[in-house]
């Protein structure tokens, strides 16, 4: 069972589908139905799957319009929920204790993209030297 199948199996009450979507769209949640962009790599699909699960777990109502501060706050909350469930802090700590040369190796070890790793790190309050320059 791959990571996506394993995650989906933990949420039998949710309906999942994978469909082609516009390039800028990774996924969408409507009620208890999640659709993920099938054009994305499995790594990106997993990242979006966690975020969309975050919407089910944290979001109230329709937040598709980003003209309200409340909707933006809920969007961020869902994204942070997804990131923290996808990459728990102990995994970052463990990877950083290993003999790694840079954050690209940490990202590879964790199975995420470097920019996503940086977002996860920011969610935990970590700083990356080249981001602060």
N, C-alpha and C. Protein backbone atom coordinates (compact mmCIF):
# COMPACT_ATOMS: atom_id res chain seq x y z
N UNK A 1 0.86 -1.18 0.00
CA UNK A 1 0.00 0.00 0.00
C UNK A 1 0.90 1.24 0.00
N UNK A 2 0.65 2.17 -0.93
CA UNK A 2 1.46 3.39 -0.96
C UNK A 2 0.93 4.41 0.06
N UNK A 3 1.65 5.53 0.19
CA UNK A 3 1.29 6.54 1.20
C UNK A 3 -0.11 7.10 0.99
N UNK A 4 -0.50 7.33 -0.25
CA UNK A 4 -1.82 7.89 -0.55
C UNK A 4 -2.90 6.89 -0.15
N UNK A 5 -2.73 5.64 -0.55
CA UNK A 5 -3.72 4.61 -0.20
C UNK A 5 -3.82 4.42 1.32
N UNK A 6 -2.68 4.47 1.97
CA UNK A 6 -2.67 4.31 3.43
C UNK A 6 -3.43 5.45 4.11
N UNK A 7 -3.18 6.67 3.65
CA UNK A 7 -3.87 7.83 4.24
C UNK A 7 -5.37 7.74 3.99
N UNK A 8 -5.75 7.44 2.78
CA UNK A 8 -7.17 7.33 2.43
C UNK A 8 -7.86 6.27 3.29
N UNK A 9 -7.17 5.18 3.56
CA UNK A 9 -7.77 4.10 4.35
C UNK A 9 -8.08 4.52 5.78
N UNK A 10 -7.44 5.58 6.25
CA UNK A 10 -7.67 6.07 7.61
C UNK A 10 -8.94 6.90 7.72
N UNK A 11 -9.55 7.25 6.58
CA UNK A 11 -10.73 8.11 6.57
C UNK A 11 -11.85 7.48 5.72
N UNK A 12 -12.41 6.36 6.18
CA UNK A 12 -13.44 5.68 5.37
C UNK A 12 -14.73 6.50 5.22
N UNK A 13 -14.94 7.48 6.07
CA UNK A 13 -16.13 8.31 6.02
C UNK A 13 -16.04 9.41 4.95
N UNK A 14 -14.88 9.52 4.30
CA UNK A 14 -14.67 10.55 3.30
C UNK A 14 -14.55 9.90 1.92
N UNK A 15 -15.14 10.55 0.93
CA UNK A 15 -15.06 10.08 -0.45
C UNK A 15 -13.89 10.78 -1.15
N UNK A 16 -13.04 10.00 -1.80
CA UNK A 16 -11.86 10.54 -2.48
C UNK A 16 -11.93 10.23 -3.97
N UNK A 17 -11.53 11.20 -4.78
CA UNK A 17 -11.40 10.96 -6.21
C UNK A 17 -10.19 11.73 -6.73
N UNK A 18 -9.68 11.28 -7.85
CA UNK A 18 -8.53 11.89 -8.50
C UNK A 18 -8.95 12.19 -9.93
N UNK A 19 -9.01 13.47 -10.26
CA UNK A 19 -9.49 13.92 -11.57
C UNK A 19 -8.54 14.98 -12.12
N UNK A 20 -8.45 15.09 -13.45
CA UNK A 20 -7.67 16.19 -14.02
C UNK A 20 -8.29 17.53 -13.61
N UNK A 21 -7.45 18.48 -13.24
CA UNK A 21 -7.89 19.81 -12.83
C UNK A 21 -6.96 20.84 -13.47
N UNK A 22 -7.35 22.11 -13.45
CA UNK A 22 -6.43 23.14 -13.95
C UNK A 22 -5.11 23.09 -13.20
N UNK A 23 -4.04 23.49 -13.87
CA UNK A 23 -2.68 23.40 -13.31
C UNK A 23 -2.53 24.05 -11.95
N UNK A 24 -3.17 25.18 -11.73
CA UNK A 24 -2.98 25.90 -10.46
C UNK A 24 -3.80 25.31 -9.32
N UNK A 25 -4.59 24.30 -9.60
CA UNK A 25 -5.47 23.73 -8.58
C UNK A 25 -4.95 22.36 -8.16
N UNK A 26 -4.70 22.20 -6.86
CA UNK A 26 -4.21 20.93 -6.36
C UNK A 26 -5.31 20.01 -5.86
N UNK A 27 -6.37 20.61 -5.34
CA UNK A 27 -7.47 19.81 -4.82
C UNK A 27 -8.61 20.69 -4.39
N UNK A 28 -9.73 20.05 -4.11
CA UNK A 28 -10.91 20.77 -3.65
C UNK A 28 -11.71 19.85 -2.72
N UNK A 29 -12.33 20.48 -1.74
CA UNK A 29 -13.17 19.74 -0.80
C UNK A 29 -14.57 20.31 -0.84
N UNK A 30 -15.54 19.45 -1.00
CA UNK A 30 -16.95 19.82 -0.93
C UNK A 30 -17.62 18.85 0.03
N UNK A 31 -17.99 19.36 1.20
CA UNK A 31 -18.56 18.47 2.22
C UNK A 31 -17.54 17.44 2.64
N UNK A 32 -17.89 16.17 2.51
CA UNK A 32 -16.99 15.07 2.84
C UNK A 32 -16.43 14.41 1.59
N UNK A 33 -16.30 15.19 0.52
CA UNK A 33 -15.74 14.68 -0.73
C UNK A 33 -14.49 15.48 -1.09
N UNK A 34 -13.41 14.77 -1.30
CA UNK A 34 -12.15 15.40 -1.68
C UNK A 34 -11.79 14.95 -3.08
N UNK A 35 -11.46 15.92 -3.93
CA UNK A 35 -10.96 15.63 -5.26
C UNK A 35 -9.55 16.21 -5.36
N UNK A 36 -8.63 15.38 -5.82
CA UNK A 36 -7.23 15.77 -5.97
C UNK A 36 -6.90 15.76 -7.46
N UNK A 37 -6.06 16.72 -7.85
CA UNK A 37 -5.65 16.85 -9.24
C UNK A 37 -4.81 15.64 -9.66
N UNK A 38 -5.33 14.85 -10.58
CA UNK A 38 -4.62 13.64 -11.02
C UNK A 38 -3.42 13.96 -11.92
N UNK A 39 -3.29 15.20 -12.37
CA UNK A 39 -2.15 15.59 -13.20
C UNK A 39 -0.88 15.81 -12.39
N UNK A 40 -1.00 15.85 -11.07
CA UNK A 40 0.15 16.11 -10.20
C UNK A 40 0.93 14.82 -9.92
N UNK A 41 2.18 14.98 -9.52
CA UNK A 41 2.98 13.83 -9.11
C UNK A 41 2.39 13.25 -7.83
N UNK A 42 2.65 11.98 -7.55
CA UNK A 42 2.17 11.40 -6.29
C UNK A 42 2.60 12.19 -5.05
N UNK A 43 3.81 12.72 -5.06
CA UNK A 43 4.30 13.50 -3.92
C UNK A 43 3.43 14.74 -3.71
N UNK A 44 3.12 15.45 -4.79
CA UNK A 44 2.26 16.63 -4.67
C UNK A 44 0.82 16.25 -4.34
N UNK A 45 0.35 15.15 -4.90
CA UNK A 45 -1.01 14.70 -4.56
C UNK A 45 -1.12 14.44 -3.07
N UNK A 46 -0.11 13.83 -2.48
CA UNK A 46 -0.14 13.55 -1.04
C UNK A 46 -0.15 14.84 -0.23
N UNK A 47 0.65 15.81 -0.63
CA UNK A 47 0.66 17.10 0.07
C UNK A 47 -0.73 17.74 0.01
N UNK A 48 -1.34 17.74 -1.17
CA UNK A 48 -2.67 18.34 -1.31
C UNK A 48 -3.73 17.53 -0.57
N UNK A 49 -3.58 16.24 -0.55
CA UNK A 49 -4.52 15.39 0.17
C UNK A 49 -4.54 15.74 1.65
N UNK A 50 -3.38 15.96 2.23
CA UNK A 50 -3.32 16.38 3.64
C UNK A 50 -3.99 17.73 3.84
N UNK A 51 -3.74 18.67 2.93
CA UNK A 51 -4.37 19.98 3.09
C UNK A 51 -5.89 19.88 2.98
N UNK A 52 -6.37 19.11 2.02
CA UNK A 52 -7.83 18.98 1.87
C UNK A 52 -8.44 18.27 3.07
N UNK A 53 -7.74 17.31 3.64
CA UNK A 53 -8.22 16.70 4.89
C UNK A 53 -8.26 17.75 6.00
N UNK A 54 -7.29 18.64 5.99
CA UNK A 54 -7.29 19.74 6.95
C UNK A 54 -8.53 20.59 6.83
N UNK A 55 -9.03 20.78 5.62
CA UNK A 55 -10.27 21.53 5.44
C UNK A 55 -11.45 20.81 6.09
N UNK A 56 -11.51 19.52 5.90
CA UNK A 56 -12.61 18.75 6.50
C UNK A 56 -12.53 18.82 8.02
N UNK A 57 -11.31 18.77 8.56
CA UNK A 57 -11.13 18.75 10.01
C UNK A 57 -11.26 20.12 10.66
N UNK A 58 -11.00 21.20 9.92
CA UNK A 58 -10.92 22.51 10.58
C UNK A 58 -11.85 23.59 10.03
N UNK A 59 -12.34 23.43 8.82
CA UNK A 59 -13.07 24.52 8.15
C UNK A 59 -14.56 24.44 8.41
N UNK A 60 -15.18 25.61 8.57
CA UNK A 60 -16.62 25.71 8.73
C UNK A 60 -17.19 26.54 7.59
N UNK A 61 -18.13 25.97 6.85
CA UNK A 61 -18.78 26.71 5.77
C UNK A 61 -17.95 26.80 4.51
N UNK A 62 -18.44 27.60 3.57
CA UNK A 62 -17.79 27.81 2.28
C UNK A 62 -16.75 28.92 2.42
N UNK A 63 -15.49 28.58 2.21
CA UNK A 63 -14.44 29.60 2.32
C UNK A 63 -13.79 29.85 0.97
N UNK A 64 -14.49 29.55 -0.11
CA UNK A 64 -13.90 29.66 -1.44
C UNK A 64 -13.63 31.10 -1.87
N UNK A 65 -14.28 32.06 -1.25
CA UNK A 65 -14.02 33.47 -1.55
C UNK A 65 -12.99 33.99 -0.55
N UNK A 66 -11.87 34.47 -1.06
CA UNK A 66 -10.79 34.92 -0.18
C UNK A 66 -10.84 36.40 0.12
N UNK A 67 -12.03 37.01 0.03
CA UNK A 67 -12.15 38.43 0.33
C UNK A 67 -12.45 38.69 1.80
N UNK A 68 -12.56 37.63 2.58
CA UNK A 68 -12.87 37.78 4.00
C UNK A 68 -11.69 37.28 4.83
N UNK A 69 -11.35 38.02 5.87
CA UNK A 69 -10.25 37.63 6.75
C UNK A 69 -10.53 36.27 7.39
N UNK A 70 -11.77 36.04 7.76
CA UNK A 70 -12.15 34.76 8.36
C UNK A 70 -11.85 33.59 7.42
N UNK A 71 -12.15 33.75 6.14
CA UNK A 71 -11.88 32.69 5.16
C UNK A 71 -10.38 32.46 5.00
N UNK A 72 -9.61 33.54 4.99
CA UNK A 72 -8.16 33.41 4.87
C UNK A 72 -7.57 32.72 6.09
N UNK A 73 -8.09 33.05 7.26
CA UNK A 73 -7.61 32.40 8.50
C UNK A 73 -7.93 30.91 8.45
N UNK A 74 -9.13 30.55 8.03
CA UNK A 74 -9.50 29.14 7.94
C UNK A 74 -8.66 28.40 6.89
N UNK A 75 -8.36 29.07 5.79
CA UNK A 75 -7.51 28.47 4.75
C UNK A 75 -6.14 28.14 5.33
N UNK A 76 -5.57 29.09 6.05
CA UNK A 76 -4.25 28.86 6.65
C UNK A 76 -4.31 27.77 7.70
N UNK A 77 -5.36 27.77 8.51
CA UNK A 77 -5.50 26.75 9.55
C UNK A 77 -5.56 25.35 8.94
N UNK A 78 -6.30 25.20 7.86
CA UNK A 78 -6.39 23.90 7.19
C UNK A 78 -5.04 23.49 6.62
N UNK A 79 -4.33 24.45 6.05
CA UNK A 79 -3.02 24.16 5.46
C UNK A 79 -2.03 23.74 6.55
N UNK A 80 -2.02 24.45 7.65
CA UNK A 80 -1.12 24.11 8.76
C UNK A 80 -1.48 22.74 9.34
N UNK A 81 -2.78 22.46 9.48
CA UNK A 81 -3.20 21.14 9.97
C UNK A 81 -2.63 20.06 9.06
N UNK A 82 -2.78 20.26 7.76
CA UNK A 82 -2.27 19.27 6.80
C UNK A 82 -0.77 19.09 6.88
N UNK A 83 -0.05 20.20 6.96
CA UNK A 83 1.41 20.11 7.01
C UNK A 83 1.88 19.41 8.27
N UNK A 84 1.26 19.74 9.41
CA UNK A 84 1.70 19.14 10.66
C UNK A 84 1.33 17.66 10.77
N UNK A 85 0.27 17.26 10.09
CA UNK A 85 -0.07 15.84 10.08
C UNK A 85 0.77 15.08 9.05
N UNK A 86 1.12 15.74 7.98
CA UNK A 86 1.95 15.10 6.96
C UNK A 86 3.38 14.94 7.45
N UNK A 87 3.92 15.98 8.06
CA UNK A 87 5.30 15.97 8.54
C UNK A 87 5.31 16.37 10.01
N UNK A 88 5.07 15.40 10.90
CA UNK A 88 5.11 15.71 12.33
C UNK A 88 6.50 16.22 12.74
N UNK A 89 6.53 17.04 13.76
CA UNK A 89 7.78 17.68 14.20
C UNK A 89 8.87 16.66 14.52
N UNK A 90 8.50 15.54 15.10
CA UNK A 90 9.52 14.55 15.46
C UNK A 90 10.27 14.04 14.22
N UNK A 91 9.59 14.02 13.06
CA UNK A 91 10.27 13.57 11.83
C UNK A 91 11.30 14.60 11.36
N UNK A 92 10.97 15.88 11.50
CA UNK A 92 11.93 16.92 11.14
C UNK A 92 13.13 16.86 12.07
N UNK A 93 12.85 16.71 13.36
CA UNK A 93 13.92 16.65 14.35
C UNK A 93 14.84 15.46 14.08
N UNK A 94 14.24 14.32 13.79
CA UNK A 94 15.01 13.11 13.51
C UNK A 94 15.87 13.29 12.26
N UNK A 95 15.27 13.83 11.21
CA UNK A 95 16.01 14.03 9.95
C UNK A 95 17.14 15.03 10.13
N UNK A 96 16.91 16.05 10.94
CA UNK A 96 17.94 17.08 11.13
C UNK A 96 19.10 16.57 11.98
N UNK A 97 18.89 15.52 12.77
CA UNK A 97 19.96 14.95 13.59
C UNK A 97 20.87 14.03 12.78
N UNK A 98 20.35 13.55 11.64
CA UNK A 98 21.15 12.68 10.79
C UNK A 98 22.19 13.52 10.06
N UNK A 99 23.18 12.87 9.53
CA UNK A 99 24.25 13.57 8.82
C UNK A 99 23.77 13.99 7.43
N UNK A 100 23.19 15.18 7.36
CA UNK A 100 22.70 15.70 6.08
C UNK A 100 23.43 16.98 5.73
N UNK A 101 23.59 17.20 4.45
CA UNK A 101 24.31 18.39 4.00
C UNK A 101 23.43 19.62 3.89
N UNK A 102 22.16 19.42 3.55
CA UNK A 102 21.30 20.58 3.34
C UNK A 102 19.82 20.19 3.44
N UNK A 103 18.95 21.19 3.31
CA UNK A 103 17.52 20.95 3.44
C UNK A 103 16.95 20.14 2.27
N UNK A 104 17.67 20.08 1.15
CA UNK A 104 17.22 19.24 0.04
C UNK A 104 17.27 17.77 0.44
N UNK A 105 18.29 17.39 1.18
CA UNK A 105 18.38 16.01 1.67
C UNK A 105 17.29 15.72 2.69
N UNK A 106 17.00 16.68 3.57
CA UNK A 106 15.93 16.50 4.55
C UNK A 106 14.60 16.34 3.84
N UNK A 107 14.35 17.19 2.83
CA UNK A 107 13.09 17.10 2.07
C UNK A 107 12.98 15.74 1.39
N UNK A 108 14.06 15.28 0.80
CA UNK A 108 14.05 13.97 0.13
C UNK A 108 13.77 12.86 1.14
N UNK A 109 14.42 12.94 2.28
CA UNK A 109 14.21 11.94 3.34
C UNK A 109 12.75 11.90 3.80
N UNK A 110 12.12 13.07 3.87
CA UNK A 110 10.73 13.16 4.34
C UNK A 110 9.72 12.96 3.21
N UNK A 111 10.19 12.93 1.96
CA UNK A 111 9.28 12.70 0.83
C UNK A 111 8.47 13.91 0.44
N UNK A 112 9.04 15.11 0.64
CA UNK A 112 8.33 16.34 0.30
C UNK A 112 9.25 17.23 -0.55
N UNK A 113 8.66 18.24 -1.15
CA UNK A 113 9.46 19.21 -1.89
C UNK A 113 10.10 20.19 -0.91
N UNK A 114 11.20 20.79 -1.31
CA UNK A 114 11.93 21.70 -0.44
C UNK A 114 11.06 22.89 -0.03
N UNK A 115 10.32 23.49 -0.97
CA UNK A 115 9.49 24.64 -0.60
C UNK A 115 8.41 24.24 0.40
N UNK A 116 7.89 23.04 0.27
CA UNK A 116 6.91 22.54 1.23
C UNK A 116 7.57 22.33 2.60
N UNK A 117 8.78 21.77 2.59
CA UNK A 117 9.52 21.61 3.85
C UNK A 117 9.70 22.95 4.54
N UNK A 118 10.00 23.98 3.78
CA UNK A 118 10.17 25.31 4.37
C UNK A 118 8.86 25.82 4.96
N UNK A 119 7.75 25.58 4.27
CA UNK A 119 6.44 25.98 4.81
C UNK A 119 6.14 25.22 6.10
N UNK A 120 6.42 23.93 6.10
CA UNK A 120 6.21 23.12 7.31
C UNK A 120 7.08 23.66 8.44
N UNK A 121 8.33 23.91 8.14
CA UNK A 121 9.23 24.46 9.15
C UNK A 121 8.73 25.78 9.71
N UNK A 122 8.24 26.65 8.83
CA UNK A 122 7.68 27.92 9.29
C UNK A 122 6.47 27.70 10.19
N UNK A 123 5.66 26.70 9.87
CA UNK A 123 4.49 26.39 10.70
C UNK A 123 4.92 25.97 12.11
N UNK A 124 6.11 25.37 12.21
CA UNK A 124 6.64 24.98 13.51
C UNK A 124 7.51 26.08 14.14
N UNK A 125 7.66 27.21 13.45
CA UNK A 125 8.45 28.30 13.98
C UNK A 125 9.94 28.19 13.70
N UNK A 126 10.31 27.29 12.78
CA UNK A 126 11.72 27.14 12.41
C UNK A 126 12.08 28.17 11.34
N UNK A 127 13.36 28.49 11.24
CA UNK A 127 13.83 29.43 10.23
C UNK A 127 14.90 28.78 9.40
N UNK A 128 14.91 29.12 8.13
CA UNK A 128 15.92 28.63 7.21
C UNK A 128 16.77 29.80 6.79
N UNK A 129 18.09 29.64 6.92
CA UNK A 129 19.01 30.75 6.72
C UNK A 129 18.78 31.48 5.39
N UNK A 130 18.65 30.74 4.29
CA UNK A 130 18.53 31.42 3.00
C UNK A 130 17.17 32.11 2.81
N UNK A 131 16.18 31.76 3.61
CA UNK A 131 14.88 32.44 3.54
C UNK A 131 14.90 33.77 4.25
N UNK A 132 15.82 33.93 5.21
CA UNK A 132 15.86 35.14 6.03
C UNK A 132 16.85 36.18 5.50
N UNK A 133 17.54 35.85 4.43
CA UNK A 133 18.55 36.79 3.90
C UNK A 133 17.90 37.96 3.21
